[in-house]
ModelCIF file with pLDDT and N, C-alpha, C, O atoms, coordinates in Angstrom:
data_MODEL
#
_entry.id   MODEL 
#
_entity.id                         1 
_entity.type                       polymer 
_entity.pdbx_number_of_molecules   1 
#
_entity_poly.entity_id                      1 
_entity_poly.type                           'polypeptide(L)' 
_entity_poly.nstd_linkage                   no 
_entity_poly.nstd_monomer                   no 
_entity_poly.pdbx_seq_one_letter_code       HNVTRSRTTGVAAIAVLVGSAVALCGPISFVGLVVPHVARYFSG 
_entity_poly.pdbx_seq_one_letter_code_can   HNVTRSRTTGVAAIAVLVGSAVALCGPISFVGLVVPHVARYFSG 
_entity_poly.pdbx_strand_id                 A 
#
loop_
_entity_poly_seq.entity_id 
_entity_poly_seq.num 
_entity_poly_seq.mon_id 
_entity_poly_seq.hetero 
1 1  HIS n 
1 2  ASN n 
1 3  VAL n 
1 4  THR n 
1 5  ARG n 
1 6  SER n 
1 7  ARG n 
1 8  THR n 
1 9  THR n 
1 10 GLY n 
1 11 VAL n 
1 12 ALA n 
1 13 ALA n 
1 14 ILE n 
1 15 ALA n 
1 16 VAL n 
1 17 LEU n 
1 18 VAL n 
1 19 GLY n 
1 20 SER n 
1 21 ALA n 
1 22 VAL n 
1 23 ALA n 
1 24 LEU n 
1 25 CYS n 
1 26 GLY n 
1 27 PRO n 
1 28 ILE n 
1 29 SER n 
1 30 PHE n 
1 31 VAL n 
1 32 GLY n 
1 33 LEU n 
1 34 VAL n 
1 35 VAL n 
1 36 PRO n 
1 37 HIS n 
1 38 VAL n 
1 39 ALA n 
1 40 ARG n 
1 41 TYR n 
1 42 PHE n 
1 43 SER n 
1 44 GLY n 
#
_struct_asym.id          A 
_struct_asym.entity_id   1 
#
loop_
_ma_qa_metric.id 
_ma_qa_metric.mode 
_ma_qa_metric.name 
_ma_qa_metric.software_group_id 
_ma_qa_metric.type 
1 global pLDDT . pLDDT 
2 local  pLDDT . pLDDT 
#
_ma_qa_metric_global.metric_id      1 
_ma_qa_metric_global.metric_value   84.86 
_ma_qa_metric_global.model_id       1 
_ma_qa_metric_global.ordinal_id     1 
#
loop_
_ma_qa_metric_local.label_asym_id 
_ma_qa_metric_local.label_comp_id 
_ma_qa_metric_local.label_seq_id 
_ma_qa_metric_local.metric_id 
_ma_qa_metric_local.metric_value 
_ma_qa_metric_local.model_id 
_ma_qa_metric_local.ordinal_id 
A HIS 1  2 80.00 1 1  
A ASN 2  2 82.00 1 2  
A VAL 3  2 80.00 1 3  
A THR 4  2 78.00 1 4  
A ARG 5  2 83.00 1 5  
A SER 6  2 84.00 1 6  
A ARG 7  2 80.00 1 7  
A THR 8  2 81.00 1 8  
A THR 9  2 86.00 1 9  
A GLY 10 2 85.00 1 10 
A VAL 11 2 80.00 1 11 
A ALA 12 2 83.00 1 12 
A ALA 13 2 88.00 1 13 
A ILE 14 2 86.00 1 14 
A ALA 15 2 82.00 1 15 
A VAL 16 2 86.00 1 16 
A LEU 17 2 90.00 1 17 
A VAL 18 2 86.00 1 18 
A GLY 19 2 82.00 1 19 
A SER 20 2 85.00 1 20 
A ALA 21 2 88.00 1 21 
A VAL 22 2 83.00 1 22 
A ALA 23 2 80.00 1 23 
A LEU 24 2 83.00 1 24 
A CYS 25 2 84.00 1 25 
A GLY 26 2 80.00 1 26 
A PRO 27 2 81.00 1 27 
A ILE 28 2 84.00 1 28 
A SER 29 2 78.00 1 29 
A PHE 30 2 84.00 1 30 
A VAL 31 2 89.00 1 31 
A GLY 32 2 87.00 1 32 
A LEU 33 2 85.00 1 33 
A VAL 34 2 87.00 1 34 
A VAL 35 2 91.00 1 35 
A PRO 36 2 91.00 1 36 
A HIS 37 2 89.00 1 37 
A VAL 38 2 89.00 1 38 
A ALA 39 2 92.00 1 39 
A ARG 40 2 90.00 1 40 
A TYR 41 2 86.00 1 41 
A PHE 42 2 89.00 1 42 
A SER 43 2 90.00 1 43 
A GLY 44 2 87.00 1 44 
#
loop_
_atom_site.group_PDB 
_atom_site.id 
_atom_site.type_symbol 
_atom_site.label_atom_id 
_atom_site.label_alt_id 
_atom_site.label_comp_id 
_atom_site.label_asym_id 
_atom_site.label_entity_id 
_atom_site.label_seq_id 
_atom_site.pdbx_PDB_ins_code 
_atom_site.Cartn_x 
_atom_site.Cartn_y 
_atom_site.Cartn_z 
_atom_site.occupancy 
_atom_site.B_iso_or_equiv 
_atom_site.pdbx_formal_charge 
_atom_site.auth_seq_id 
_atom_site.auth_comp_id 
_atom_site.auth_asym_id 
_atom_site.auth_atom_id 
_atom_site.pdbx_PDB_model_num 
ATOM 1   N N  . HIS A 1 1  ? 127.408 155.010 91.169  1.00 80.00 ? 1  HIS A N  1 
ATOM 2   C CA . HIS A 1 1  ? 128.557 154.539 91.932  1.00 80.00 ? 1  HIS A CA 1 
ATOM 3   C C  . HIS A 1 1  ? 129.630 155.629 91.998  1.00 80.00 ? 1  HIS A C  1 
ATOM 4   O O  . HIS A 1 1  ? 129.877 156.336 91.022  1.00 80.00 ? 1  HIS A O  1 
ATOM 5   N N  . ASN A 1 2  ? 130.251 155.748 93.151  1.00 82.00 ? 2  ASN A N  1 
ATOM 6   C CA . ASN A 1 2  ? 131.380 156.655 93.322  1.00 82.00 ? 2  ASN A CA 1 
ATOM 7   C C  . ASN A 1 2  ? 132.626 155.937 92.818  1.00 82.00 ? 2  ASN A C  1 
ATOM 8   O O  . ASN A 1 2  ? 133.154 155.048 93.486  1.00 82.00 ? 2  ASN A O  1 
ATOM 9   N N  . VAL A 1 3  ? 133.090 156.328 91.641  1.00 80.00 ? 3  VAL A N  1 
ATOM 10  C CA . VAL A 1 3  ? 134.189 155.608 90.996  1.00 80.00 ? 3  VAL A CA 1 
ATOM 11  C C  . VAL A 1 3  ? 135.457 155.681 91.835  1.00 80.00 ? 3  VAL A C  1 
ATOM 12  O O  . VAL A 1 3  ? 136.134 154.670 92.021  1.00 80.00 ? 3  VAL A O  1 
ATOM 13  N N  . THR A 1 4  ? 135.782 156.856 92.339  1.00 78.00 ? 4  THR A N  1 
ATOM 14  C CA . THR A 1 4  ? 137.003 157.013 93.124  1.00 78.00 ? 4  THR A CA 1 
ATOM 15  C C  . THR A 1 4  ? 136.949 156.188 94.393  1.00 78.00 ? 4  THR A C  1 
ATOM 16  O O  . THR A 1 4  ? 137.924 155.526 94.749  1.00 78.00 ? 4  THR A O  1 
ATOM 17  N N  . ARG A 1 5  ? 135.816 156.220 95.079  1.00 83.00 ? 5  ARG A N  1 
ATOM 18  C CA . ARG A 1 5  ? 135.702 155.451 96.311  1.00 83.00 ? 5  ARG A CA 1 
ATOM 19  C C  . ARG A 1 5  ? 135.754 153.953 96.044  1.00 83.00 ? 5  ARG A C  1 
ATOM 20  O O  . ARG A 1 5  ? 136.380 153.209 96.798  1.00 83.00 ? 5  ARG A O  1 
ATOM 21  N N  . SER A 1 6  ? 135.098 153.507 94.971  1.00 84.00 ? 6  SER A N  1 
ATOM 22  C CA . SER A 1 6  ? 135.118 152.080 94.646  1.00 84.00 ? 6  SER A CA 1 
ATOM 23  C C  . SER A 1 6  ? 136.529 151.598 94.336  1.00 84.00 ? 6  SER A C  1 
ATOM 24  O O  . SER A 1 6  ? 136.959 150.547 94.813  1.00 84.00 ? 6  SER A O  1 
ATOM 25  N N  . ARG A 1 7  ? 137.252 152.391 93.521  1.00 80.00 ? 7  ARG A N  1 
ATOM 26  C CA . ARG A 1 7  ? 138.601 151.979 93.167  1.00 80.00 ? 7  ARG A CA 1 
ATOM 27  C C  . ARG A 1 7  ? 139.537 152.074 94.378  1.00 80.00 ? 7  ARG A C  1 
ATOM 28  O O  . ARG A 1 7  ? 140.440 151.248 94.512  1.00 80.00 ? 7  ARG A O  1 
ATOM 29  N N  . THR A 1 8  ? 139.347 153.045 95.247  1.00 81.00 ? 8  THR A N  1 
ATOM 30  C CA . THR A 1 8  ? 140.169 153.156 96.458  1.00 81.00 ? 8  THR A CA 1 
ATOM 31  C C  . THR A 1 8  ? 139.953 151.955 97.365  1.00 81.00 ? 8  THR A C  1 
ATOM 32  O O  . THR A 1 8  ? 140.906 151.395 97.906  1.00 81.00 ? 8  THR A O  1 
ATOM 33  N N  . THR A 1 9  ? 138.687 151.562 97.527  1.00 86.00 ? 9  THR A N  1 
ATOM 34  C CA . THR A 1 9  ? 138.393 150.386 98.348  1.00 86.00 ? 9  THR A CA 1 
ATOM 35  C C  . THR A 1 9  ? 139.028 149.132 97.766  1.00 86.00 ? 9  THR A C  1 
ATOM 36  O O  . THR A 1 9  ? 139.566 148.300 98.498  1.00 86.00 ? 9  THR A O  1 
ATOM 37  N N  . GLY A 1 10 ? 138.962 149.002 96.444  1.00 85.00 ? 10 GLY A N  1 
ATOM 38  C CA . GLY A 1 10 ? 139.549 147.830 95.805  1.00 85.00 ? 10 GLY A CA 1 
ATOM 39  C C  . GLY A 1 10 ? 141.056 147.767 95.946  1.00 85.00 ? 10 GLY A C  1 
ATOM 40  O O  . GLY A 1 10 ? 141.612 146.712 96.250  1.00 85.00 ? 10 GLY A O  1 
ATOM 41  N N  . VAL A 1 11 ? 141.727 148.903 95.724  1.00 80.00 ? 11 VAL A N  1 
ATOM 42  C CA . VAL A 1 11 ? 143.185 148.927 95.859  1.00 80.00 ? 11 VAL A CA 1 
ATOM 43  C C  . VAL A 1 11 ? 143.597 148.663 97.308  1.00 80.00 ? 11 VAL A C  1 
ATOM 44  O O  . VAL A 1 11 ? 144.596 147.987 97.552  1.00 80.00 ? 11 VAL A O  1 
ATOM 45  N N  . ALA A 1 12 ? 142.838 149.187 98.266  1.00 83.00 ? 12 ALA A N  1 
ATOM 46  C CA . ALA A 1 12 ? 143.136 148.914 99.676  1.00 83.00 ? 12 ALA A CA 1 
ATOM 47  C C  . ALA A 1 12 ? 142.992 147.428 99.980  1.00 83.00 ? 12 ALA A C  1 
ATOM 48  O O  . ALA A 1 12 ? 143.826 146.855 100.681 1.00 83.00 ? 12 ALA A O  1 
ATOM 49  N N  . ALA A 1 13 ? 141.932 146.797 99.455  1.00 88.00 ? 13 ALA A N  1 
ATOM 50  C CA . ALA A 1 13 ? 141.749 145.363 99.675  1.00 88.00 ? 13 ALA A CA 1 
ATOM 51  C C  . ALA A 1 13 ? 142.885 144.562 99.051  1.00 88.00 ? 13 ALA A C  1 
ATOM 52  O O  . ALA A 1 13 ? 143.386 143.617 99.660  1.00 88.00 ? 13 ALA A O  1 
ATOM 53  N N  . ILE A 1 14 ? 143.294 144.937 97.833  1.00 86.00 ? 14 ILE A N  1 
ATOM 54  C CA . ILE A 1 14 ? 144.397 144.238 97.175  1.00 86.00 ? 14 ILE A CA 1 
ATOM 55  C C  . ILE A 1 14 ? 145.683 144.367 97.983  1.00 86.00 ? 14 ILE A C  1 
ATOM 56  O O  . ILE A 1 14 ? 146.407 143.389 98.170  1.00 86.00 ? 14 ILE A O  1 
ATOM 57  N N  . ALA A 1 15 ? 145.964 145.584 98.464  1.00 82.00 ? 15 ALA A N  1 
ATOM 58  C CA . ALA A 1 15 ? 147.190 145.810 99.219  1.00 82.00 ? 15 ALA A CA 1 
ATOM 59  C C  . ALA A 1 15 ? 147.201 144.995 100.505 1.00 82.00 ? 15 ALA A C  1 
ATOM 60  O O  . ALA A 1 15 ? 148.217 144.393 100.853 1.00 82.00 ? 15 ALA A O  1 
ATOM 61  N N  . VAL A 1 16 ? 146.082 144.974 101.206 1.00 86.00 ? 16 VAL A N  1 
ATOM 62  C CA . VAL A 1 16 ? 146.022 144.236 102.471 1.00 86.00 ? 16 VAL A CA 1 
ATOM 63  C C  . VAL A 1 16 ? 146.140 142.739 102.224 1.00 86.00 ? 16 VAL A C  1 
ATOM 64  O O  . VAL A 1 16 ? 146.861 142.051 102.947 1.00 86.00 ? 16 VAL A O  1 
ATOM 65  N N  . LEU A 1 17 ? 145.446 142.224 101.216 1.00 90.00 ? 17 LEU A N  1 
ATOM 66  C CA . LEU A 1 17 ? 145.474 140.785 100.945 1.00 90.00 ? 17 LEU A CA 1 
ATOM 67  C C  . LEU A 1 17 ? 146.852 140.319 100.497 1.00 90.00 ? 17 LEU A C  1 
ATOM 68  O O  . LEU A 1 17 ? 147.394 139.359 101.044 1.00 90.00 ? 17 LEU A O  1 
ATOM 69  N N  . VAL A 1 18 ? 147.417 140.995 99.506  1.00 86.00 ? 18 VAL A N  1 
ATOM 70  C CA . VAL A 1 18 ? 148.722 140.573 98.992  1.00 86.00 ? 18 VAL A CA 1 
ATOM 71  C C  . VAL A 1 18 ? 149.804 140.838 100.024 1.00 86.00 ? 18 VAL A C  1 
ATOM 72  O O  . VAL A 1 18 ? 150.710 140.021 100.188 1.00 86.00 ? 18 VAL A O  1 
ATOM 73  N N  . GLY A 1 19 ? 149.726 141.969 100.726 1.00 82.00 ? 19 GLY A N  1 
ATOM 74  C CA . GLY A 1 19 ? 150.709 142.243 101.768 1.00 82.00 ? 19 GLY A CA 1 
ATOM 75  C C  . GLY A 1 19 ? 150.699 141.180 102.847 1.00 82.00 ? 19 GLY A C  1 
ATOM 76  O O  . GLY A 1 19 ? 151.759 140.768 103.318 1.00 82.00 ? 19 GLY A O  1 
ATOM 77  N N  . SER A 1 20 ? 149.525 140.733 103.246 1.00 85.00 ? 20 SER A N  1 
ATOM 78  C CA . SER A 1 20 ? 149.428 139.685 104.260 1.00 85.00 ? 20 SER A CA 1 
ATOM 79  C C  . SER A 1 20 ? 150.013 138.371 103.762 1.00 85.00 ? 20 SER A C  1 
ATOM 80  O O  . SER A 1 20 ? 150.770 137.714 104.476 1.00 85.00 ? 20 SER A O  1 
ATOM 81  N N  . ALA A 1 21 ? 149.659 137.984 102.524 1.00 88.00 ? 21 ALA A N  1 
ATOM 82  C CA . ALA A 1 21 ? 150.154 136.724 101.977 1.00 88.00 ? 21 ALA A CA 1 
ATOM 83  C C  . ALA A 1 21 ? 151.666 136.749 101.797 1.00 88.00 ? 21 ALA A C  1 
ATOM 84  O O  . ALA A 1 21 ? 152.351 135.778 102.121 1.00 88.00 ? 21 ALA A O  1 
ATOM 85  N N  . VAL A 1 22 ? 152.185 137.856 101.282 1.00 83.00 ? 22 VAL A N  1 
ATOM 86  C CA . VAL A 1 22 ? 153.630 137.972 101.069 1.00 83.00 ? 22 VAL A CA 1 
ATOM 87  C C  . VAL A 1 22 ? 154.365 137.985 102.399 1.00 83.00 ? 22 VAL A C  1 
ATOM 88  O O  . VAL A 1 22 ? 155.448 137.413 102.519 1.00 83.00 ? 22 VAL A O  1 
ATOM 89  N N  . ALA A 1 23 ? 153.779 138.638 103.400 1.00 80.00 ? 23 ALA A N  1 
ATOM 90  C CA . ALA A 1 23 ? 154.406 138.647 104.716 1.00 80.00 ? 23 ALA A CA 1 
ATOM 91  C C  . ALA A 1 23 ? 154.455 137.254 105.325 1.00 80.00 ? 23 ALA A C  1 
ATOM 92  O O  . ALA A 1 23 ? 155.402 136.926 106.039 1.00 80.00 ? 23 ALA A O  1 
ATOM 93  N N  . LEU A 1 24 ? 153.450 136.432 105.054 1.00 83.00 ? 24 LEU A N  1 
ATOM 94  C CA . LEU A 1 24 ? 153.415 135.089 105.618 1.00 83.00 ? 24 LEU A CA 1 
ATOM 95  C C  . LEU A 1 24 ? 154.378 134.134 104.923 1.00 83.00 ? 24 LEU A C  1 
ATOM 96  O O  . LEU A 1 24 ? 155.100 133.395 105.592 1.00 83.00 ? 24 LEU A O  1 
ATOM 97  N N  . CYS A 1 25 ? 154.399 134.138 103.598 1.00 84.00 ? 25 CYS A N  1 
ATOM 98  C CA . CYS A 1 25 ? 155.119 133.063 102.908 1.00 84.00 ? 25 CYS A CA 1 
ATOM 99  C C  . CYS A 1 25 ? 155.916 133.527 101.712 1.00 84.00 ? 25 CYS A C  1 
ATOM 100 O O  . CYS A 1 25 ? 156.340 132.690 100.915 1.00 84.00 ? 25 CYS A O  1 
ATOM 101 N N  . GLY A 1 26 ? 156.143 134.819 101.543 1.00 80.00 ? 26 GLY A N  1 
ATOM 102 C CA . GLY A 1 26 ? 156.933 135.282 100.433 1.00 80.00 ? 26 GLY A CA 1 
ATOM 103 C C  . GLY A 1 26 ? 156.103 135.401 99.166  1.00 80.00 ? 26 GLY A C  1 
ATOM 104 O O  . GLY A 1 26 ? 154.902 135.134 99.186  1.00 80.00 ? 26 GLY A O  1 
ATOM 105 N N  . PRO A 1 27 ? 156.728 135.800 98.064  1.00 81.00 ? 27 PRO A N  1 
ATOM 106 C CA . PRO A 1 27 ? 155.999 136.012 96.808  1.00 81.00 ? 27 PRO A CA 1 
ATOM 107 C C  . PRO A 1 27 ? 155.732 134.693 96.084  1.00 81.00 ? 27 PRO A C  1 
ATOM 108 O O  . PRO A 1 27 ? 156.592 134.192 95.360  1.00 81.00 ? 27 PRO A O  1 
ATOM 109 N N  . ILE A 1 28 ? 154.546 134.138 96.280  1.00 84.00 ? 28 ILE A N  1 
ATOM 110 C CA . ILE A 1 28 ? 154.153 132.908 95.602  1.00 84.00 ? 28 ILE A CA 1 
ATOM 111 C C  . ILE A 1 28 ? 153.584 133.271 94.236  1.00 84.00 ? 28 ILE A C  1 
ATOM 112 O O  . ILE A 1 28 ? 152.654 134.071 94.131  1.00 84.00 ? 28 ILE A O  1 
ATOM 113 N N  . SER A 1 29 ? 154.147 132.682 93.201  1.00 78.00 ? 29 SER A N  1 
ATOM 114 C CA . SER A 1 29 ? 153.786 133.064 91.833  1.00 78.00 ? 29 SER A CA 1 
ATOM 115 C C  . SER A 1 29 ? 152.565 132.295 91.335  1.00 78.00 ? 29 SER A C  1 
ATOM 116 O O  . SER A 1 29 ? 152.233 131.224 91.842  1.00 78.00 ? 29 SER A O  1 
ATOM 117 N N  . PHE A 1 30 ? 151.914 132.864 90.338  1.00 84.00 ? 30 PHE A N  1 
ATOM 118 C CA . PHE A 1 30 ? 150.893 132.245 89.496  1.00 84.00 ? 30 PHE A CA 1 
ATOM 119 C C  . PHE A 1 30 ? 149.543 132.041 90.180  1.00 84.00 ? 30 PHE A C  1 
ATOM 120 O O  . PHE A 1 30 ? 148.565 131.750 89.492  1.00 84.00 ? 30 PHE A O  1 
ATOM 121 N N  . VAL A 1 31 ? 149.448 132.180 91.498  1.00 89.00 ? 31 VAL A N  1 
ATOM 122 C CA . VAL A 1 31 ? 148.144 132.000 92.135  1.00 89.00 ? 31 VAL A CA 1 
ATOM 123 C C  . VAL A 1 31 ? 147.202 133.128 91.728  1.00 89.00 ? 31 VAL A C  1 
ATOM 124 O O  . VAL A 1 31 ? 146.096 132.882 91.246  1.00 89.00 ? 31 VAL A O  1 
ATOM 125 N N  . GLY A 1 32 ? 147.651 134.364 91.926  1.00 87.00 ? 32 GLY A N  1 
ATOM 126 C CA . GLY A 1 32 ? 146.820 135.497 91.562  1.00 87.00 ? 32 GLY A CA 1 
ATOM 127 C C  . GLY A 1 32 ? 146.654 135.673 90.075  1.00 87.00 ? 32 GLY A C  1 
ATOM 128 O O  . GLY A 1 32 ? 145.786 136.431 89.641  1.00 87.00 ? 32 GLY A O  1 
ATOM 129 N N  . LEU A 1 33 ? 147.461 134.996 89.276  1.00 85.00 ? 33 LEU A N  1 
ATOM 130 C CA . LEU A 1 33 ? 147.396 135.127 87.820  1.00 85.00 ? 33 LEU A CA 1 
ATOM 131 C C  . LEU A 1 33 ? 146.465 134.097 87.194  1.00 85.00 ? 33 LEU A C  1 
ATOM 132 O O  . LEU A 1 33 ? 145.672 134.436 86.316  1.00 85.00 ? 33 LEU A O  1 
ATOM 133 N N  . VAL A 1 34 ? 146.552 132.840 87.636  1.00 87.00 ? 34 VAL A N  1 
ATOM 134 C CA . VAL A 1 34 ? 145.816 131.746 87.006  1.00 87.00 ? 34 VAL A CA 1 
ATOM 135 C C  . VAL A 1 34 ? 144.451 131.530 87.645  1.00 87.00 ? 34 VAL A C  1 
ATOM 136 O O  . VAL A 1 34 ? 143.471 131.269 86.947  1.00 87.00 ? 34 VAL A O  1 
ATOM 137 N N  . VAL A 1 35 ? 144.381 131.638 88.976  1.00 91.00 ? 35 VAL A N  1 
ATOM 138 C CA . VAL A 1 35 ? 143.147 131.309 89.693  1.00 91.00 ? 35 VAL A CA 1 
ATOM 139 C C  . VAL A 1 35 ? 141.937 132.096 89.193  1.00 91.00 ? 35 VAL A C  1 
ATOM 140 O O  . VAL A 1 35 ? 140.881 131.491 89.007  1.00 91.00 ? 35 VAL A O  1 
ATOM 141 N N  . PRO A 1 36 ? 142.027 133.423 88.963  1.00 91.00 ? 36 PRO A N  1 
ATOM 142 C CA . PRO A 1 36 ? 140.829 134.136 88.490  1.00 91.00 ? 36 PRO A CA 1 
ATOM 143 C C  . PRO A 1 36 ? 140.264 133.599 87.181  1.00 91.00 ? 36 PRO A C  1 
ATOM 144 O O  . PRO A 1 36 ? 139.048 133.608 86.989  1.00 91.00 ? 36 PRO A O  1 
ATOM 145 N N  . HIS A 1 37 ? 141.125 133.131 86.272  1.00 89.00 ? 37 HIS A N  1 
ATOM 146 C CA . HIS A 1 37 ? 140.638 132.587 85.007  1.00 89.00 ? 37 HIS A CA 1 
ATOM 147 C C  . HIS A 1 37 ? 139.903 131.267 85.237  1.00 89.00 ? 37 HIS A C  1 
ATOM 148 O O  . HIS A 1 37 ? 138.868 131.014 84.621  1.00 89.00 ? 37 HIS A O  1 
ATOM 149 N N  . VAL A 1 38 ? 140.439 130.431 86.120  1.00 89.00 ? 38 VAL A N  1 
ATOM 150 C CA . VAL A 1 38 ? 139.761 129.168 86.434  1.00 89.00 ? 38 VAL A CA 1 
ATOM 151 C C  . VAL A 1 38 ? 138.423 129.446 87.103  1.00 89.00 ? 38 VAL A C  1 
ATOM 152 O O  . VAL A 1 38 ? 137.412 128.838 86.753  1.00 89.00 ? 38 VAL A O  1 
ATOM 153 N N  . ALA A 1 39 ? 138.416 130.368 88.068  1.00 92.00 ? 39 ALA A N  1 
ATOM 154 C CA . ALA A 1 39 ? 137.172 130.691 88.764  1.00 92.00 ? 39 ALA A CA 1 
ATOM 155 C C  . ALA A 1 39 ? 136.153 131.315 87.823  1.00 92.00 ? 39 ALA A C  1 
ATOM 156 O O  . ALA A 1 39 ? 134.962 131.021 87.921  1.00 92.00 ? 39 ALA A O  1 
ATOM 157 N N  . ARG A 1 40 ? 136.606 132.177 86.908  1.00 90.00 ? 40 ARG A N  1 
ATOM 158 C CA . ARG A 1 40 ? 135.692 132.837 85.979  1.00 90.00 ? 40 ARG A CA 1 
ATOM 159 C C  . ARG A 1 40 ? 135.046 131.833 85.020  1.00 90.00 ? 40 ARG A C  1 
ATOM 160 O O  . ARG A 1 40 ? 133.913 132.030 84.581  1.00 90.00 ? 40 ARG A O  1 
ATOM 161 N N  . TYR A 1 41 ? 135.762 130.766 84.700  1.00 86.00 ? 41 TYR A N  1 
ATOM 162 C CA . TYR A 1 41 ? 135.205 129.746 83.810  1.00 86.00 ? 41 TYR A CA 1 
ATOM 163 C C  . TYR A 1 41 ? 133.963 129.099 84.422  1.00 86.00 ? 41 TYR A C  1 
ATOM 164 O O  . TYR A 1 41 ? 133.031 128.750 83.699  1.00 86.00 ? 41 TYR A O  1 
ATOM 165 N N  . PHE A 1 42 ? 133.940 128.934 85.748  1.00 89.00 ? 42 PHE A N  1 
ATOM 166 C CA . PHE A 1 42 ? 132.818 128.276 86.412  1.00 89.00 ? 42 PHE A CA 1 
ATOM 167 C C  . PHE A 1 42 ? 131.780 129.267 86.952  1.00 89.00 ? 42 PHE A C  1 
ATOM 168 O O  . PHE A 1 42 ? 130.594 128.944 87.012  1.00 89.00 ? 42 PHE A O  1 
ATOM 169 N N  . SER A 1 43 ? 132.209 130.444 87.336  1.00 90.00 ? 43 SER A N  1 
ATOM 170 C CA . SER A 1 43 ? 131.287 131.385 87.977  1.00 90.00 ? 43 SER A CA 1 
ATOM 171 C C  . SER A 1 43 ? 130.708 132.409 87.020  1.00 90.00 ? 43 SER A C  1 
ATOM 172 O O  . SER A 1 43 ? 129.643 132.966 87.286  1.00 90.00 ? 43 SER A O  1 
ATOM 173 N N  . GLY A 1 44 ? 131.392 132.670 85.904  1.00 87.00 ? 44 GLY A N  1 
ATOM 174 C CA . GLY A 1 44 ? 130.954 133.736 85.019  1.00 87.00 ? 44 GLY A CA 1 
ATOM 175 C C  . GLY A 1 44 ? 131.579 135.060 85.418  1.00 87.00 ? 44 GLY A C  1 
ATOM 176 O O  . GLY A 1 44 ? 131.323 136.081 84.779  1.00 87.00 ? 44 GLY A O  1 
#
């Protein structure tokens, strides 16, 4: 795996996703913090 390319793609995806959500409705707290733990409990 190309580590630099993988991390660049991930940071770009994070920026686009969070930027879009924040642009739509402002900084909504706790969704990005709590949801991954709940999802990881069921998905592994």
